[in-house]
Amino acid sequence: MNYVQGAGIESHGEYHFGLKIHVSLERELTEEDKNLMAEAVRDLEDKLMRVTVSLDPESKKRTDAQRVQLLGVFDGIYLHAVAIPNGYCSRWCCSHLPWYVVHTKVGPITIGWRKRVIEIDWEDCAAGRVGIGVKGIDVKSIIKDAATLFPDENVTKGPYMIHAYGADKAKEYVMKIVGAVHGV
């Protein structure tokens, strides 16, 4: 049999990975064949590297440290937090670094790292979803948007989202979001 390489990948970084698919057919490989094999290589890489990362004790330490850091932003003002898949990157390299939906009295706030910034999203608070509210106050009617709360901050903002450069800034932003409802 005469084998030819149909697809392959190699990566170098924190984790090294290599995979090649060699095939022997009684015909020439088509572009469709090559695309199918490339997709299989990417899928297998993702699955194998997710296992690799999950077995790495350093990865677990990073996950735990990031959880402590992100939830520390809420310093005693949250009721509970739920880990959710990473909202920025779903690949194996970030799969062990979840984001969190942090339930506060004013509603859920989603937080997670996005490259060099922490994204804070309180759209669900503004929509009146899931929050227990503050006694006697309709949180939905008074939650403020990013432009109102942070007019002088020169960072990426959405209607109910802001990027923070570091945990200290993220804490400042979260306290302002929650504090606006409490009249702080």
C-alpha atoms as a PDB file:
ATOM      1  CA  MET A   1       0.000   0.000   0.000  1.00  0.00           C
ATOM      2  CA  ASN A   2       1.084   3.484  -0.770  1.00  0.00           C
ATOM      3  CA  TYR A   3       0.218   5.967   2.005  1.00  0.00           C
ATOM      4  CA  VAL A   4      -0.024   9.729   1.634  1.00  0.00           C
ATOM      5  CA  GLN A   5      -0.523  12.322   4.341  1.00  0.00           C
ATOM      6  CA  GLY A   6      -4.112  13.504   4.307  1.00  0.00           C
ATOM      7  CA  ALA A   7      -3.980  15.956   7.213  1.00  0.00           C
ATOM      8  CA  GLY A   8      -1.821  16.925  10.133  1.00  0.00           C
ATOM      9  CA  ILE A   9      -1.252  19.411  12.890  1.00  0.00           C
ATOM     10  CA  GLU A  10       1.619  20.333  15.191  1.00  0.00           C
ATOM     11  CA  SER A  11       1.587  22.848  17.989  1.00  0.00           C
ATOM     12  CA  HIS A  12       4.220  24.098  20.374  1.00  0.00           C
ATOM     13  CA  GLY A  13       3.572  26.123  23.465  1.00  0.00           C
ATOM     14  CA  GLU A  14       2.634  25.182  26.969  1.00  0.00           C
ATOM     15  CA  TYR A  15       1.480  21.830  25.616  1.00  0.00           C
ATOM     16  CA  HIS A  16       3.050  20.144  22.614  1.00  0.00           C
ATOM     17  CA  PHE A  17       0.820  18.218  20.269  1.00  0.00           C
ATOM     18  CA  GLY A  18       1.202  16.487  16.927  1.00  0.00           C
ATOM     19  CA  LEU A  19      -1.076  14.323  14.841  1.00  0.00           C
ATOM     20  CA  LYS A  20      -0.905  13.101  11.254  1.00  0.00           C
ATOM     21  CA  ILE A  21      -3.373  11.073   9.251  1.00  0.00           C
ATOM     22  CA  HIS A  22      -1.950   8.928   6.478  1.00  0.00           C
ATOM     23  CA  VAL A  23      -4.285   7.153   4.090  1.00  0.00           C
ATOM     24  CA  SER A  24      -4.073   4.759   1.223  1.00  0.00           C
ATOM     25  CA  LEU A  25      -6.842   4.836  -1.342  1.00  0.00           C
ATOM     26  CA  GLU A  26      -7.096   3.533  -4.858  1.00  0.00           C
ATOM     27  CA  ARG A  27      -7.629   7.090  -6.025  1.00  0.00           C
ATOM     28  CA  GLU A  28      -6.277  10.583  -5.578  1.00  0.00           C
ATOM     29  CA  LEU A  29      -7.362  12.509  -2.497  1.00  0.00           C
ATOM     30  CA  THR A  30      -9.955  15.173  -3.245  1.00  0.00           C
ATOM     31  CA  GLU A  31     -10.257  18.520  -1.502  1.00  0.00           C
ATOM     32  CA  GLU A  32     -13.344  17.138   0.213  1.00  0.00           C
ATOM     33  CA  ASP A  33     -11.262  14.201   1.520  1.00  0.00           C
ATOM     34  CA  LYS A  34      -8.617  16.585   2.828  1.00  0.00           C
ATOM     35  CA  ASN A  35     -11.225  18.825   4.454  1.00  0.00           C
ATOM     36  CA  LEU A  36     -12.856  15.849   6.187  1.00  0.00           C
ATOM     37  CA  MET A  37      -9.503  14.671   7.532  1.00  0.00           C
ATOM     38  CA  ALA A  38      -8.538  18.185   8.652  1.00  0.00           C
ATOM     39  CA  GLU A  39     -11.825  18.431  10.546  1.00  0.00           C
ATOM     40  CA  ALA A  40     -11.165  15.029  12.153  1.00  0.00           C
ATOM     41  CA  VAL A  41      -7.664  16.151  13.168  1.00  0.00           C
ATOM     42  CA  ARG A  42      -9.017  19.351  14.798  1.00  0.00           C
ATOM     43  CA  ASP A  43     -11.735  17.383  16.590  1.00  0.00           C
ATOM     44  CA  LEU A  44      -9.288  14.764  17.876  1.00  0.00           C
ATOM     45  CA  GLU A  45      -6.820  17.459  18.938  1.00  0.00           C
ATOM     46  CA  ASP A  46      -9.551  19.218  20.912  1.00  0.00           C
ATOM     47  CA  LYS A  47     -10.652  16.023  22.667  1.00  0.00           C
ATOM     48  CA  LEU A  48      -7.143  14.797  23.468  1.00  0.00           C
ATOM     49  CA  MET A  49      -5.970  18.198  24.692  1.00  0.00           C
ATOM     50  CA  ARG A  50      -9.028  18.659  26.918  1.00  0.00           C
ATOM     51  CA  VAL A  51      -8.056  15.413  28.642  1.00  0.00           C
ATOM     52  CA  THR A  52      -4.403  16.512  28.793  1.00  0.00           C
ATOM     53  CA  VAL A  53      -5.347  19.813  30.429  1.00  0.00           C
ATOM     54  CA  SER A  54      -7.730  18.111  32.864  1.00  0.00           C
ATOM     55  CA  LEU A  55      -4.910  15.797  34.010  1.00  0.00           C
ATOM     56  CA  ASP A  56      -2.413  18.632  34.501  1.00  0.00           C
ATOM     57  CA  PRO A  57      -2.181  19.675  38.180  1.00  0.00           C
ATOM     58  CA  GLU A  58      -0.949  23.146  37.151  1.00  0.00           C
ATOM     59  CA  SER A  59      -4.102  23.603  35.095  1.00  0.00           C
ATOM     60  CA  LYS A  60      -6.221  22.828  38.149  1.00  0.00           C
ATOM     61  CA  LYS A  61      -4.240  25.390  40.163  1.00  0.00           C
ATOM     62  CA  ARG A  62      -4.871  28.051  37.475  1.00  0.00           C
ATOM     63  CA  THR A  63      -8.577  27.224  37.456  1.00  0.00           C
ATOM     64  CA  ASP A  64      -8.814  27.487  41.234  1.00  0.00           C
ATOM     65  CA  ALA A  65      -6.798  30.716  41.357  1.00  0.00           C
ATOM     66  CA  GLN A  66      -8.922  32.298  38.661  1.00  0.00           C
ATOM     67  CA  ARG A  67     -12.123  31.286  40.474  1.00  0.00           C
ATOM     68  CA  VAL A  68     -10.908  32.860  43.709  1.00  0.00           C
ATOM     69  CA  GLN A  69      -9.867  36.003  41.838  1.00  0.00           C
ATOM     70  CA  LEU A  70     -13.128  36.408  39.904  1.00  0.00           C
ATOM     71  CA  LEU A  71     -15.424  35.675  42.824  1.00  0.00           C
ATOM     72  CA  GLY A  72     -13.282  37.912  45.033  1.00  0.00           C
ATOM     73  CA  VAL A  73     -14.486  40.795  42.876  1.00  0.00           C
ATOM     74  CA  PHE A  74     -17.889  40.341  44.547  1.00  0.00           C
ATOM     75  CA  ASP A  75     -16.391  40.418  48.068  1.00  0.00           C
ATOM     76  CA  GLY A  76     -19.331  39.306  50.194  1.00  0.00           C
ATOM     77  CA  ILE A  77     -22.129  40.640  47.972  1.00  0.00           C
ATOM     78  CA  TYR A  78     -23.033  37.474  46.139  1.00  0.00           C
ATOM     79  CA  LEU A  79     -25.459  34.767  47.098  1.00  0.00           C
ATOM     80  CA  HIS A  80     -23.957  32.002  44.980  1.00  0.00           C
ATOM     81  CA  ALA A  81     -22.068  31.494  41.741  1.00  0.00           C
ATOM     82  CA  VAL A  82     -22.423  28.978  38.929  1.00  0.00           C
ATOM     83  CA  ALA A  83     -19.555  28.063  36.622  1.00  0.00           C
ATOM     84  CA  ILE A  84     -20.432  28.261  32.920  1.00  0.00           C
ATOM     85  CA  PRO A  85     -18.360  27.519  29.817  1.00  0.00           C
ATOM     86  CA  ASN A  86     -15.761  30.127  28.943  1.00  0.00           C
ATOM     87  CA  GLY A  87     -17.655  32.892  27.152  1.00  0.00           C
ATOM     88  CA  TYR A  88     -14.711  34.023  25.077  1.00  0.00           C
ATOM     89  CA  CYS A  89     -13.002  30.844  23.925  1.00  0.00           C
ATOM     90  CA  SER A  90     -14.535  27.385  23.697  1.00  0.00           C
ATOM     91  CA  ARG A  91     -11.364  25.638  22.525  1.00  0.00           C
ATOM     92  CA  TRP A  92      -9.427  23.170  24.667  1.00  0.00           C
ATOM     93  CA  CYS A  93      -6.907  25.830  25.699  1.00  0.00           C
ATOM     94  CA  CYS A  94      -9.569  27.715  27.676  1.00  0.00           C
ATOM     95  CA  SER A  95     -12.066  24.977  28.506  1.00  0.00           C
ATOM     96  CA  HIS A  96     -10.674  24.629  32.030  1.00  0.00           C
ATOM     97  CA  LEU A  97     -11.139  28.349  32.729  1.00  0.00           C
ATOM     98  CA  PRO A  98     -14.878  28.854  33.173  1.00  0.00           C
ATOM     99  CA  TRP A  99     -16.783  32.078  33.476  1.00  0.00           C
ATOM    100  CA  TYR A 100     -19.248  32.534  36.306  1.00  0.00           C
ATOM    101  CA  VAL A 101     -22.816  33.684  36.665  1.00  0.00           C
ATOM    102  CA  VAL A 102     -22.759  35.339  40.050  1.00  0.00           C
ATOM    103  CA  HIS A 103     -26.155  35.727  41.666  1.00  0.00           C
ATOM    104  CA  THR A 104     -26.486  38.916  43.674  1.00  0.00           C
ATOM    105  CA  LYS A 105     -29.490  40.629  45.270  1.00  0.00           C
ATOM    106  CA  VAL A 106     -29.847  42.780  42.151  1.00  0.00           C
ATOM    107  CA  GLY A 107     -29.683  39.799  39.815  1.00  0.00           C
ATOM    108  CA  PRO A 108     -27.140  37.693  37.954  1.00  0.00           C
ATOM    109  CA  ILE A 109     -23.860  39.179  36.777  1.00  0.00           C
ATOM    110  CA  THR A 110     -21.663  37.212  34.393  1.00  0.00           C
ATOM    111  CA  ILE A 111     -17.899  37.556  34.766  1.00  0.00           C
ATOM    112  CA  GLY A 112     -14.883  36.007  33.089  1.00  0.00           C
ATOM    113  CA  TRP A 113     -11.481  36.621  31.563  1.00  0.00           C
ATOM    114  CA  ARG A 114     -11.309  37.645  27.919  1.00  0.00           C
ATOM    115  CA  LYS A 115      -7.634  37.816  26.906  1.00  0.00           C
ATOM    116  CA  ARG A 116      -6.227  40.687  29.024  1.00  0.00           C
ATOM    117  CA  VAL A 117      -9.516  41.992  30.391  1.00  0.00           C
ATOM    118  CA  ILE A 118     -12.290  40.783  32.653  1.00  0.00           C
ATOM    119  CA  GLU A 119     -15.712  41.026  31.070  1.00  0.00           C
ATOM    120  CA  ILE A 120     -18.576  41.989  33.366  1.00  0.00           C
ATOM    121  CA  ASP A 121     -22.092  41.614  31.976  1.00  0.00           C
ATOM    122  CA  TRP A 122     -25.235  42.573  33.873  1.00  0.00           C
ATOM    123  CA  GLU A 123     -27.743  42.331  31.016  1.00  0.00           C
ATOM    124  CA  ASP A 124     -29.764  39.745  32.955  1.00  0.00           C
ATOM    125  CA  CYS A 125     -30.114  42.216  35.839  1.00  0.00           C
ATOM    126  CA  ALA A 126     -31.425  44.843  33.432  1.00  0.00           C
ATOM    127  CA  ALA A 127     -33.884  42.337  32.002  1.00  0.00           C
ATOM    128  CA  GLY A 128     -35.129  41.516  35.499  1.00  0.00           C
ATOM    129  CA  ARG A 129     -34.080  37.873  35.195  1.00  0.00           C
ATOM    130  CA  VAL A 130     -33.468  35.589  38.147  1.00  0.00           C
ATOM    131  CA  GLY A 131     -32.522  38.240  40.738  1.00  0.00           C
ATOM    132  CA  ILE A 132     -34.322  38.228  44.085  1.00  0.00           C
ATOM    133  CA  GLY A 133     -34.381  42.010  44.028  1.00  0.00           C
ATOM    134  CA  VAL A 134     -34.005  44.484  46.803  1.00  0.00           C
ATOM    135  CA  LYS A 135     -36.921  44.728  49.204  1.00  0.00           C
ATOM    136  CA  GLY A 136     -39.510  47.131  47.839  1.00  0.00           C
ATOM    137  CA  ILE A 137     -37.509  48.002  44.708  1.00  0.00           C
ATOM    138  CA  ASP A 138     -38.134  46.955  41.121  1.00  0.00           C
ATOM    139  CA  VAL A 139     -34.495  46.361  40.161  1.00  0.00           C
ATOM    140  CA  LYS A 140     -35.344  46.131  36.464  1.00  0.00           C
ATOM    141  CA  SER A 141     -36.638  49.688  36.442  1.00  0.00           C
ATOM    142  CA  ILE A 142     -33.556  51.241  38.039  1.00  0.00           C
ATOM    143  CA  ILE A 143     -30.570  49.202  36.840  1.00  0.00           C
ATOM    144  CA  LYS A 144     -28.244  51.495  34.925  1.00  0.00           C
ATOM    145  CA  ASP A 145     -26.404  50.916  31.665  1.00  0.00           C
ATOM    146  CA  ALA A 146     -22.645  51.152  31.155  1.00  0.00           C
ATOM    147  CA  ALA A 147     -22.744  54.585  29.512  1.00  0.00           C
ATOM    148  CA  THR A 148     -24.583  56.010  32.533  1.00  0.00           C
ATOM    149  CA  LEU A 149     -22.523  54.234  35.184  1.00  0.00           C
ATOM    150  CA  PHE A 150     -19.100  54.596  33.575  1.00  0.00           C
ATOM    151  CA  PRO A 151     -19.123  57.665  31.302  1.00  0.00           C
ATOM    152  CA  ASP A 152     -15.433  58.452  31.804  1.00  0.00           C
ATOM    153  CA  GLU A 153     -14.027  54.920  31.547  1.00  0.00           C
ATOM    154  CA  ASN A 154     -12.046  54.476  28.325  1.00  0.00           C
ATOM    155  CA  VAL A 155     -12.638  50.736  27.919  1.00  0.00           C
ATOM    156  CA  THR A 156     -14.869  48.556  25.770  1.00  0.00           C
ATOM    157  CA  LYS A 157     -18.491  48.928  26.846  1.00  0.00           C
ATOM    158  CA  GLY A 158     -21.794  47.528  25.673  1.00  0.00           C
ATOM    159  CA  PRO A 159     -25.252  48.444  26.878  1.00  0.00           C
ATOM    160  CA  TYR A 160     -24.870  46.327  30.047  1.00  0.00           C
ATOM    161  CA  MET A 161     -21.264  45.142  29.715  1.00  0.00           C
ATOM    162  CA  ILE A 162     -17.844  46.568  30.484  1.00  0.00           C
ATOM    163  CA  HIS A 163     -14.261  45.337  30.272  1.00  0.00           C
ATOM    164  CA  ALA A 164     -12.027  45.784  33.292  1.00  0.00           C
ATOM    165  CA  TYR A 165      -8.240  45.760  33.245  1.00  0.00           C
ATOM    166  CA  GLY A 166      -7.645  43.580  36.284  1.00  0.00           C
ATOM    167  CA  ALA A 167      -9.484  42.376  39.357  1.00  0.00           C
ATOM    168  CA  ASP A 168      -9.237  45.671  41.245  1.00  0.00           C
ATOM    169  CA  LYS A 169     -10.948  47.573  38.449  1.00  0.00           C
ATOM    170  CA  ALA A 170     -13.509  44.763  38.049  1.00  0.00           C
ATOM    171  CA  LYS A 171     -14.349  45.023  41.749  1.00  0.00           C
ATOM    172  CA  GLU A 172     -14.769  48.782  41.424  1.00  0.00           C
ATOM    173  CA  TYR A 173     -17.164  48.295  38.494  1.00  0.00           C
ATOM    174  CA  VAL A 174     -19.209  45.564  40.187  1.00  0.00           C
ATOM    175  CA  MET A 175     -19.572  47.617  43.360  1.00  0.00           C
ATOM    176  CA  LYS A 176     -20.795  50.536  41.266  1.00  0.00           C
ATOM    177  CA  ILE A 177     -23.320  48.356  39.379  1.00  0.00           C
ATOM    178  CA  VAL A 178     -24.733  46.835  42.562  1.00  0.00           C
ATOM    179  CA  GLY A 179     -24.374  50.059  44.543  1.00  0.00           C
ATOM    180  CA  ALA A 180     -26.437  52.021  42.017  1.00  0.00           C
ATOM    181  CA  VAL A 181     -29.449  49.898  42.922  1.00  0.00           C
ATOM    182  CA  HIS A 182     -28.867  50.374  46.632  1.00  0.00           C
ATOM    183  CA  GLY A 183     -28.415  54.116  46.174  1.00  0.00           C
ATOM    184  CA  VAL A 184     -24.736  54.043  47.106  1.00  0.00           C
END
